Amino acid sequence: MANRESLVPYKTILEAKRGNPDAMDEILRHYEQYIDYNSYREVYNGSETHYICVDEEIKSRIKAKLIYKIIFHFNPMKPPTGDP
């Protein structure tokens, strides 16, 4: 289970749902390393060497999906489970 300090505060998610751009930016910054990791792509150049880099298109798609899910699918009437 995730450490409580590593979670995005519920209040921040509610503010993002309501359209606060600063709250949405805070959520995106919180998940930035995770998004970067899942955006890695192996690239080959002409001399058959390869390297791994962040694919910006994949990264932007993941961010867009996260924003979409927060705005349209997060249900504020269903509070999080766990300790108060």
PDB file of N, CA and C in Angstrom:
ATOM      1  N   MET A   1       0.840  -1.183   0.000  1.00  0.00           N
ATOM      2  CA  MET A   1       0.000   0.000   0.000  1.00  0.00           C
ATOM      3  C   MET A   1       0.880   1.239   0.000  1.00  0.00           C
ATOM      4  N   ALA A   2       0.427   2.277  -0.644  1.00  0.00           N
ATOM      5  CA  ALA A   2       1.201   3.510  -0.752  1.00  0.00           C
ATOM      6  C   ALA A   2       1.276   4.220   0.592  1.00  0.00           C
ATOM      7  N   ASN A   3       2.374   4.884   0.799  1.00  0.00           N
ATOM      8  CA  ASN A   3       2.564   5.685   1.991  1.00  0.00           C
ATOM      9  C   ASN A   3       1.643   6.901   1.914  1.00  0.00           C
ATOM     10  N   ARG A   4       1.014   7.277   3.025  1.00  0.00           N
ATOM     11  CA  ARG A   4       0.071   8.401   3.033  1.00  0.00           C
ATOM     12  C   ARG A   4       0.711   9.696   2.526  1.00  0.00           C
ATOM     13  N   GLU A   5       2.009   9.901   2.821  1.00  0.00           N
ATOM     14  CA  GLU A   5       2.683  11.120   2.399  1.00  0.00           C
ATOM     15  C   GLU A   5       2.874  11.160   0.885  1.00  0.00           C
ATOM     16  N   SER A   6       2.820   9.998   0.229  1.00  0.00           N
ATOM     17  CA  SER A   6       3.052   9.959  -1.211  1.00  0.00           C
ATOM     18  C   SER A   6       1.757  10.094  -2.021  1.00  0.00           C
ATOM     19  N   LEU A   7       0.633  10.245  -1.357  1.00  0.00           N
ATOM     20  CA  LEU A   7      -0.648  10.365  -2.051  1.00  0.00           C
ATOM     21  C   LEU A   7      -0.980  11.824  -2.336  1.00  0.00           C
ATOM     22  N   VAL A   8      -1.709  12.051  -3.402  1.00  0.00           N
ATOM     23  CA  VAL A   8      -2.211  13.388  -3.699  1.00  0.00           C
ATOM     24  C   VAL A   8      -3.351  13.658  -2.716  1.00  0.00           C
ATOM     25  N   PRO A   9      -3.352  14.813  -2.068  1.00  0.00           N
ATOM     26  CA  PRO A   9      -4.448  15.110  -1.125  1.00  0.00           C
ATOM     27  C   PRO A   9      -5.815  15.103  -1.829  1.00  0.00           C
ATOM     28  N   TYR A  10      -6.798  14.569  -1.126  1.00  0.00           N
ATOM     29  CA  TYR A  10      -8.152  14.471  -1.672  1.00  0.00           C
ATOM     30  C   TYR A  10      -8.677  15.848  -2.068  1.00  0.00           C
ATOM     31  N   LYS A  11      -8.376  16.850  -1.264  1.00  0.00           N
ATOM     32  CA  LYS A  11      -8.817  18.220  -1.532  1.00  0.00           C
ATOM     33  C   LYS A  11      -8.257  18.721  -2.872  1.00  0.00           C
ATOM     34  N   THR A  12      -7.026  18.353  -3.183  1.00  0.00           N
ATOM     35  CA  THR A  12      -6.407  18.760  -4.450  1.00  0.00           C
ATOM     36  C   THR A  12      -7.134  18.126  -5.624  1.00  0.00           C
ATOM     37  N   ILE A  13      -7.513  16.869  -5.479  1.00  0.00           N
ATOM     38  CA  ILE A  13      -8.240  16.182  -6.552  1.00  0.00           C
ATOM     39  C   ILE A  13      -9.610  16.830  -6.758  1.00  0.00           C
ATOM     40  N   LEU A  14     -10.279  17.191  -5.665  1.00  0.00           N
ATOM     41  CA  LEU A  14     -11.574  17.867  -5.784  1.00  0.00           C
ATOM     42  C   LEU A  14     -11.436  19.205  -6.504  1.00  0.00           C
ATOM     43  N   GLU A  15     -10.393  19.946  -6.155  1.00  0.00           N
ATOM     44  CA  GLU A  15     -10.163  21.238  -6.811  1.00  0.00           C
ATOM     45  C   GLU A  15      -9.877  21.051  -8.303  1.00  0.00           C
ATOM     46  N   ALA A  16      -9.116  20.033  -8.650  1.00  0.00           N
ATOM     47  CA  ALA A  16      -8.835  19.749 -10.059  1.00  0.00           C
ATOM     48  C   ALA A  16     -10.129  19.386 -10.790  1.00  0.00           C
ATOM     49  N   LYS A  17     -10.976  18.612 -10.149  1.00  0.00           N
ATOM     50  CA  LYS A  17     -12.271  18.222 -10.727  1.00  0.00           C
ATOM     51  C   LYS A  17     -13.123  19.456 -11.006  1.00  0.00           C
ATOM     52  N   ARG A  18     -13.017  20.453 -10.121  1.00  0.00           N
ATOM     53  CA  ARG A  18     -13.800  21.688 -10.279  1.00  0.00           C
ATOM     54  C   ARG A  18     -13.207  22.636 -11.313  1.00  0.00           C
ATOM     55  N   GLY A  19     -12.024  22.292 -11.843  1.00  0.00           N
ATOM     56  CA  GLY A  19     -11.441  23.103 -12.899  1.00  0.00           C
ATOM     57  C   GLY A  19     -10.290  23.996 -12.481  1.00  0.00           C
ATOM     58  N   ASN A  20      -9.762  23.813 -11.287  1.00  0.00           N
ATOM     59  CA  ASN A  20      -8.632  24.615 -10.832  1.00  0.00           C
ATOM     60  C   ASN A  20      -7.358  24.159 -11.551  1.00  0.00           C
ATOM     61  N   PRO A  21      -6.772  25.000 -12.416  1.00  0.00           N
ATOM     62  CA  PRO A  21      -5.589  24.574 -13.171  1.00  0.00           C
ATOM     63  C   PRO A  21      -4.362  24.342 -12.288  1.00  0.00           C
ATOM     64  N   ASP A  22      -4.248  25.078 -11.193  1.00  0.00           N
ATOM     65  CA  ASP A  22      -3.115  24.879 -10.282  1.00  0.00           C
ATOM     66  C   ASP A  22      -3.177  23.504  -9.614  1.00  0.00           C
ATOM     67  N   ALA A  23      -4.372  23.085  -9.252  1.00  0.00           N
ATOM     68  CA  ALA A  23      -4.536  21.760  -8.645  1.00  0.00           C
ATOM     69  C   ALA A  23      -4.214  20.663  -9.659  1.00  0.00           C
ATOM     70  N   MET A  24      -4.656  20.851 -10.896  1.00  0.00           N
ATOM     71  CA  MET A  24      -4.365  19.856 -11.935  1.00  0.00           C
ATOM     72  C   MET A  24      -2.862  19.786 -12.185  1.00  0.00           C
ATOM     73  N   ASP A  25      -2.192  20.940 -12.210  1.00  0.00           N
ATOM     74  CA  ASP A  25      -0.736  20.954 -12.380  1.00  0.00           C
ATOM     75  C   ASP A  25      -0.038  20.235 -11.233  1.00  0.00           C
ATOM     76  N   GLU A  26      -0.555  20.406 -10.029  1.00  0.00           N
ATOM     77  CA  GLU A  26       0.033  19.721  -8.869  1.00  0.00           C
ATOM     78  C   GLU A  26      -0.085  18.205  -9.014  1.00  0.00           C
ATOM     79  N   ILE A  27      -1.216  17.740  -9.501  1.00  0.00           N
ATOM     80  CA  ILE A  27      -1.406  16.299  -9.717  1.00  0.00           C
ATOM     81  C   ILE A  27      -0.459  15.794 -10.807  1.00  0.00           C
ATOM     82  N   LEU A  28      -0.349  16.534 -11.892  1.00  0.00           N
ATOM     83  CA  LEU A  28       0.544  16.131 -12.980  1.00  0.00           C
ATOM     84  C   LEU A  28       2.000  16.121 -12.522  1.00  0.00           C
ATOM     85  N   ARG A  29       2.391  17.097 -11.706  1.00  0.00           N
ATOM     86  CA  ARG A  29       3.758  17.109 -11.161  1.00  0.00           C
ATOM     87  C   ARG A  29       3.984  15.919 -10.234  1.00  0.00           C
ATOM     88  N   HIS A  30       2.964  15.573  -9.466  1.00  0.00           N
ATOM     89  CA  HIS A  30       3.072  14.443  -8.544  1.00  0.00           C
ATOM     90  C   HIS A  30       3.359  13.142  -9.297  1.00  0.00           C
ATOM     91  N   TYR A  31       2.717  12.959 -10.437  1.00  0.00           N
ATOM     92  CA  TYR A  31       2.862  11.728 -11.208  1.00  0.00           C
ATOM     93  C   TYR A  31       3.878  11.834 -12.351  1.00  0.00           C
ATOM     94  N   GLU A  32       4.653  12.920 -12.390  1.00  0.00           N
ATOM     95  CA  GLU A  32       5.561  13.154 -13.505  1.00  0.00           C
ATOM     96  C   GLU A  32       6.571  12.023 -13.716  1.00  0.00           C
ATOM     97  N   GLN A  33       7.200  11.531 -12.655  1.00  0.00           N
ATOM     98  CA  GLN A  33       8.179  10.453 -12.807  1.00  0.00           C
ATOM     99  C   GLN A  33       7.508   9.173 -13.310  1.00  0.00           C
ATOM    100  N   TYR A  34       6.339   8.871 -12.798  1.00  0.00           N
ATOM    101  CA  TYR A  34       5.598   7.688 -13.233  1.00  0.00           C
ATOM    102  C   TYR A  34       5.223   7.804 -14.714  1.00  0.00           C
ATOM    103  N   ILE A  35       4.772   8.979 -15.121  1.00  0.00           N
ATOM    104  CA  ILE A  35       4.396   9.205 -16.517  1.00  0.00           C
ATOM    105  C   ILE A  35       5.627   9.095 -17.410  1.00  0.00           C
ATOM    106  N   ASP A  36       6.735   9.704 -16.990  1.00  0.00           N
ATOM    107  CA  ASP A  36       7.974   9.610 -17.777  1.00  0.00           C
ATOM    108  C   ASP A  36       8.404   8.155 -17.943  1.00  0.00           C
ATOM    109  N   TYR A  37       8.369   7.397 -16.844  1.00  0.00           N
ATOM    110  CA  TYR A  37       8.789   5.995 -16.891  1.00  0.00           C
ATOM    111  C   TYR A  37       7.940   5.203 -17.893  1.00  0.00           C
ATOM    112  N   ASN A  38       6.649   5.473 -17.902  1.00  0.00           N
ATOM    113  CA  ASN A  38       5.755   4.748 -18.804  1.00  0.00           C
ATOM    114  C   ASN A  38       5.759   5.314 -20.223  1.00  0.00           C
ATOM    115  N   SER A  39       6.530   6.369 -20.442  1.00  0.00           N
ATOM    116  CA  SER A  39       6.654   6.960 -21.779  1.00  0.00           C
ATOM    117  C   SER A  39       7.975   6.612 -22.445  1.00  0.00           C
ATOM    118  N   TYR A  40       8.815   5.812 -21.777  1.00  0.00           N
ATOM    119  CA  TYR A  40      10.109   5.450 -22.356  1.00  0.00           C
ATOM    120  C   TYR A  40       9.921   4.680 -23.651  1.00  0.00           C
ATOM    121  N   ARG A  41      10.834   4.954 -24.583  1.00  0.00           N
ATOM    122  CA  ARG A  41      10.803   4.275 -25.866  1.00  0.00           C
ATOM    123  C   ARG A  41      12.237   4.044 -26.324  1.00  0.00           C
ATOM    124  N   GLU A  42      12.479   2.887 -26.876  1.00  0.00           N
ATOM    125  CA  GLU A  42      13.804   2.559 -27.391  1.00  0.00           C
ATOM    126  C   GLU A  42      13.893   3.074 -28.833  1.00  0.00           C
ATOM    127  N   VAL A  43      14.908   3.882 -29.106  1.00  0.00           N
ATOM    128  CA  VAL A  43      15.066   4.513 -30.419  1.00  0.00           C
ATOM    129  C   VAL A  43      16.384   4.050 -31.025  1.00  0.00           C
ATOM    130  N   TYR A  44      16.342   3.714 -32.305  1.00  0.00           N
ATOM    131  CA  TYR A  44      17.534   3.298 -33.039  1.00  0.00           C
ATOM    132  C   TYR A  44      17.909   4.390 -34.023  1.00  0.00           C
ATOM    133  N   ASN A  45      19.213   4.629 -34.158  1.00  0.00           N
ATOM    134  CA  ASN A  45      19.648   5.581 -35.180  1.00  0.00           C
ATOM    135  C   ASN A  45      20.268   4.818 -36.348  1.00  0.00           C
ATOM    136  N   GLY A  46      20.806   5.512 -37.330  1.00  0.00           N
ATOM    137  CA  GLY A  46      21.308   4.889 -38.546  1.00  0.00           C
ATOM    138  C   GLY A  46      22.489   3.960 -38.348  1.00  0.00           C
ATOM    139  N   SER A  47      23.274   4.143 -37.305  1.00  0.00           N
ATOM    140  CA  SER A  47      24.461   3.301 -37.109  1.00  0.00           C
ATOM    141  C   SER A  47      24.180   2.118 -36.181  1.00  0.00           C
ATOM    142  N   GLU A  48      22.955   1.715 -36.103  1.00  0.00           N
ATOM    143  CA  GLU A  48      22.512   0.554 -35.327  1.00  0.00           C
ATOM    144  C   GLU A  48      22.754   0.678 -33.822  1.00  0.00           C
ATOM    145  N   THR A  49      22.977   1.876 -33.328  1.00  0.00           N
ATOM    146  CA  THR A  49      23.023   2.072 -31.883  1.00  0.00           C
ATOM    147  C   THR A  49      21.635   2.503 -31.433  1.00  0.00           C
ATOM    148  N   HIS A  50      21.341   2.233 -30.220  1.00  0.00           N
ATOM    149  CA  HIS A  50      20.024   2.601 -29.720  1.00  0.00           C
ATOM    150  C   HIS A  50      20.173   3.291 -28.367  1.00  0.00           C
ATOM    151  N   TYR A  51      19.144   4.011 -28.020  1.00  0.00           N
ATOM    152  CA  TYR A  51      19.082   4.661 -26.723  1.00  0.00           C
ATOM    153  C   TYR A  51      17.627   4.735 -26.299  1.00  0.00           C
ATOM    154  N   ILE A  52      17.433   4.980 -25.030  1.00  0.00           N
ATOM    155  CA  ILE A  52      16.088   5.045 -24.482  1.00  0.00           C
ATOM    156  C   ILE A  52      15.793   6.501 -24.130  1.00  0.00           C
ATOM    157  N   CYS A  53      14.632   6.961 -24.535  1.00  0.00           N
ATOM    158  CA  CYS A  53      14.243   8.335 -24.241  1.00  0.00           C
ATOM    159  C   CYS A  53      12.741   8.386 -23.964  1.00  0.00           C
ATOM    160  N   VAL A  54      12.306   9.531 -23.477  1.00  0.00           N
ATOM    161  CA  VAL A  54      10.884   9.746 -23.233  1.00  0.00           C
ATOM    162  C   VAL A  54      10.236  10.154 -24.544  1.00  0.00           C
ATOM    163  N   ASP A  55       9.215   9.419 -24.940  1.00  0.00           N
ATOM    164  CA  ASP A  55       8.451   9.749 -26.134  1.00  0.00           C
ATOM    165  C   ASP A  55       7.409  10.805 -25.732  1.00  0.00           C
ATOM    166  N   GLU A  56       7.590  12.017 -26.225  1.00  0.00           N
ATOM    167  CA  GLU A  56       6.724  13.130 -25.820  1.00  0.00           C
ATOM    168  C   GLU A  56       5.268  12.926 -26.237  1.00  0.00           C
ATOM    169  N   GLU A  57       5.041  12.237 -27.342  1.00  0.00           N
ATOM    170  CA  GLU A  57       3.659  11.983 -27.768  1.00  0.00           C
ATOM    171  C   GLU A  57       2.955  11.037 -26.798  1.00  0.00           C
ATOM    172  N   ILE A  58       3.638   9.982 -26.413  1.00  0.00           N
ATOM    173  CA  ILE A  58       3.060   9.056 -25.439  1.00  0.00           C
ATOM    174  C   ILE A  58       2.837   9.771 -24.114  1.00  0.00           C
ATOM    175  N   LYS A  59       3.813  10.571 -23.701  1.00  0.00           N
ATOM    176  CA  LYS A  59       3.703  11.320 -22.446  1.00  0.00           C
ATOM    177  C   LYS A  59       2.477  12.234 -22.464  1.00  0.00           C
ATOM    178  N   SER A  60       2.263  12.945 -23.563  1.00  0.00           N
ATOM    179  CA  SER A  60       1.118  13.850 -23.637  1.00  0.00           C
ATOM    180  C   SER A  60      -0.200  13.073 -23.654  1.00  0.00           C
ATOM    181  N   ARG A  61      -0.206  11.881 -24.255  1.00  0.00           N
ATOM    182  CA  ARG A  61      -1.426  11.060 -24.246  1.00  0.00           C
ATOM    183  C   ARG A  61      -1.755  10.560 -22.841  1.00  0.00           C
ATOM    184  N   ILE A  62      -0.730  10.161 -22.087  1.00  0.00           N
ATOM    185  CA  ILE A  62      -0.957   9.700 -20.713  1.00  0.00           C
ATOM    186  C   ILE A  62      -1.492  10.849 -19.861  1.00  0.00           C
ATOM    187  N   LYS A  63      -0.901  12.032 -20.020  1.00  0.00           N
ATOM    188  CA  LYS A  63      -1.374  13.199 -19.262  1.00  0.00           C
ATOM    189  C   LYS A  63      -2.817  13.532 -19.622  1.00  0.00           C
ATOM    190  N   ALA A  64      -3.134  13.501 -20.902  1.00  0.00           N
ATOM    191  CA  ALA A  64      -4.492  13.807 -21.346  1.00  0.00           C
ATOM    192  C   ALA A  64      -5.487  12.798 -20.766  1.00  0.00           C
ATOM    193  N   LYS A  65      -5.091  11.540 -20.735  1.00  0.00           N
ATOM    194  CA  LYS A  65      -5.970  10.497 -20.185  1.00  0.00           C
ATOM    195  C   LYS A  65      -6.203  10.712 -18.693  1.00  0.00           C
ATOM    196  N   LEU A  66      -5.148  11.079 -17.967  1.00  0.00           N
ATOM    197  CA  LEU A  66      -5.282  11.351 -16.530  1.00  0.00           C
ATOM    198  C   LEU A  66      -6.216  12.536 -16.295  1.00  0.00           C
ATOM    199  N   ILE A  67      -6.029  13.607 -17.047  1.00  0.00           N
ATOM    200  CA  ILE A  67      -6.889  14.786 -16.914  1.00  0.00           C
ATOM    201  C   ILE A  67      -8.338  14.426 -17.229  1.00  0.00           C
ATOM    202  N   TYR A  68      -8.548  13.673 -18.296  1.00  0.00           N
ATOM    203  CA  TYR A  68      -9.893  13.248 -18.680  1.00  0.00           C
ATOM    204  C   TYR A  68     -10.553  12.439 -17.566  1.00  0.00           C
ATOM    205  N   LYS A  69      -9.801  11.499 -17.003  1.00  0.00           N
ATOM    206  CA  LYS A  69     -10.364  10.640 -15.948  1.00  0.00           C
ATOM    207  C   LYS A  69     -10.724  11.448 -14.713  1.00  0.00           C
ATOM    208  N   ILE A  70      -9.899  12.423 -14.364  1.00  0.00           N
ATOM    209  CA  ILE A  70     -10.197  13.255 -13.189  1.00  0.00           C
ATOM    210  C   ILE A  70     -11.449  14.086 -13.433  1.00  0.00           C
ATOM    211  N   ILE A  71     -11.524  14.718 -14.586  1.00  0.00           N
ATOM    212  CA  ILE A  71     -12.637  15.623 -14.865  1.00  0.00           C
ATOM    213  C   ILE A  71     -13.952  14.883 -15.076  1.00  0.00           C
ATOM    214  N   PHE A  72     -13.931  13.780 -15.832  1.00  0.00           N
ATOM    215  CA  PHE A  72     -15.184  13.139 -16.213  1.00  0.00           C
ATOM    216  C   PHE A  72     -15.544  11.868 -15.448  1.00  0.00           C
ATOM    217  N   HIS A  73     -14.588  11.228 -14.783  1.00  0.00           N
ATOM    218  CA  HIS A  73     -14.894   9.950 -14.136  1.00  0.00           C
ATOM    219  C   HIS A  73     -14.683   9.931 -12.630  1.00  0.00           C
ATOM    220  N   PHE A  74     -14.006  10.937 -12.080  1.00  0.00           N
ATOM    221  CA  PHE A  74     -13.823  10.971 -10.631  1.00  0.00           C
ATOM    222  C   PHE A  74     -15.144  11.351  -9.986  1.00  0.00           C
ATOM    223  N   ASN A  75     -15.585  10.553  -9.027  1.00  0.00           N
ATOM    224  CA  ASN A  75     -16.861  10.789  -8.365  1.00  0.00           C
ATOM    225  C   ASN A  75     -16.608  11.363  -6.970  1.00  0.00           C
ATOM    226  N   PRO A  76     -16.817  12.672  -6.777  1.00  0.00           N
ATOM    227  CA  PRO A  76     -16.571  13.266  -5.465  1.00  0.00           C
ATOM    228  C   PRO A  76     -17.584  12.845  -4.409  1.00  0.00           C
ATOM    229  N   MET A  77     -18.678  12.249  -4.818  1.00  0.00           N
ATOM    230  CA  MET A  77     -19.680  11.788  -3.855  1.00  0.00           C
ATOM    231  C   MET A  77     -19.279  10.462  -3.213  1.00  0.00           C
ATOM    232  N   LYS A  78     -18.258   9.829  -3.754  1.00  0.00           N
ATOM    233  CA  LYS A  78     -17.761   8.579  -3.207  1.00  0.00           C
ATOM    234  C   LYS A  78     -16.396   8.863  -2.575  1.00  0.00           C
ATOM    235  N   PRO A  79     -16.368   9.159  -1.280  1.00  0.00           N
ATOM    236  CA  PRO A  79     -15.099   9.507  -0.629  1.00  0.00           C
ATOM    237  C   PRO A  79     -14.141   8.314  -0.604  1.00  0.00           C
ATOM    238  N   PRO A  80     -12.850   8.600  -0.473  1.00  0.00           N
ATOM    239  CA  PRO A  80     -11.863   7.527  -0.462  1.00  0.00           C
ATOM    240  C   PRO A  80     -12.057   6.615   0.740  1.00  0.00           C
ATOM    241  N   THR A  81     -11.684   5.363   0.572  1.00  0.00           N
ATOM    242  CA  THR A  81     -11.770   4.418   1.680  1.00  0.00           C
ATOM    243  C   THR A  81     -10.472   4.444   2.449  1.00  0.00           C
ATOM    244  N   GLY A  82     -10.497   3.962   3.664  1.00  0.00           N
ATOM    245  CA  GLY A  82      -9.278   3.926   4.473  1.00  0.00           C
ATOM    246  C   GLY A  82      -9.474   4.655   5.782  1.00  0.00           C
ATOM    247  N   ASP A  83      -8.379   4.864   6.451  1.00  0.00           N
ATOM    248  CA  ASP A  83      -8.403   5.542   7.744  1.00  0.00           C
ATOM    249  C   ASP A  83      -8.783   7.001   7.565  1.00  0.00           C
ATOM    250  N   PRO A  84      -9.546   7.559   8.518  1.00  0.00           N
ATOM    251  CA  PRO A  84      -9.953   8.983   8.412  1.00  0.00           C
ATOM    252  C   PRO A  84      -8.790   9.921   8.595  1.00  0.00           C
TER     253      PRO A  84
END
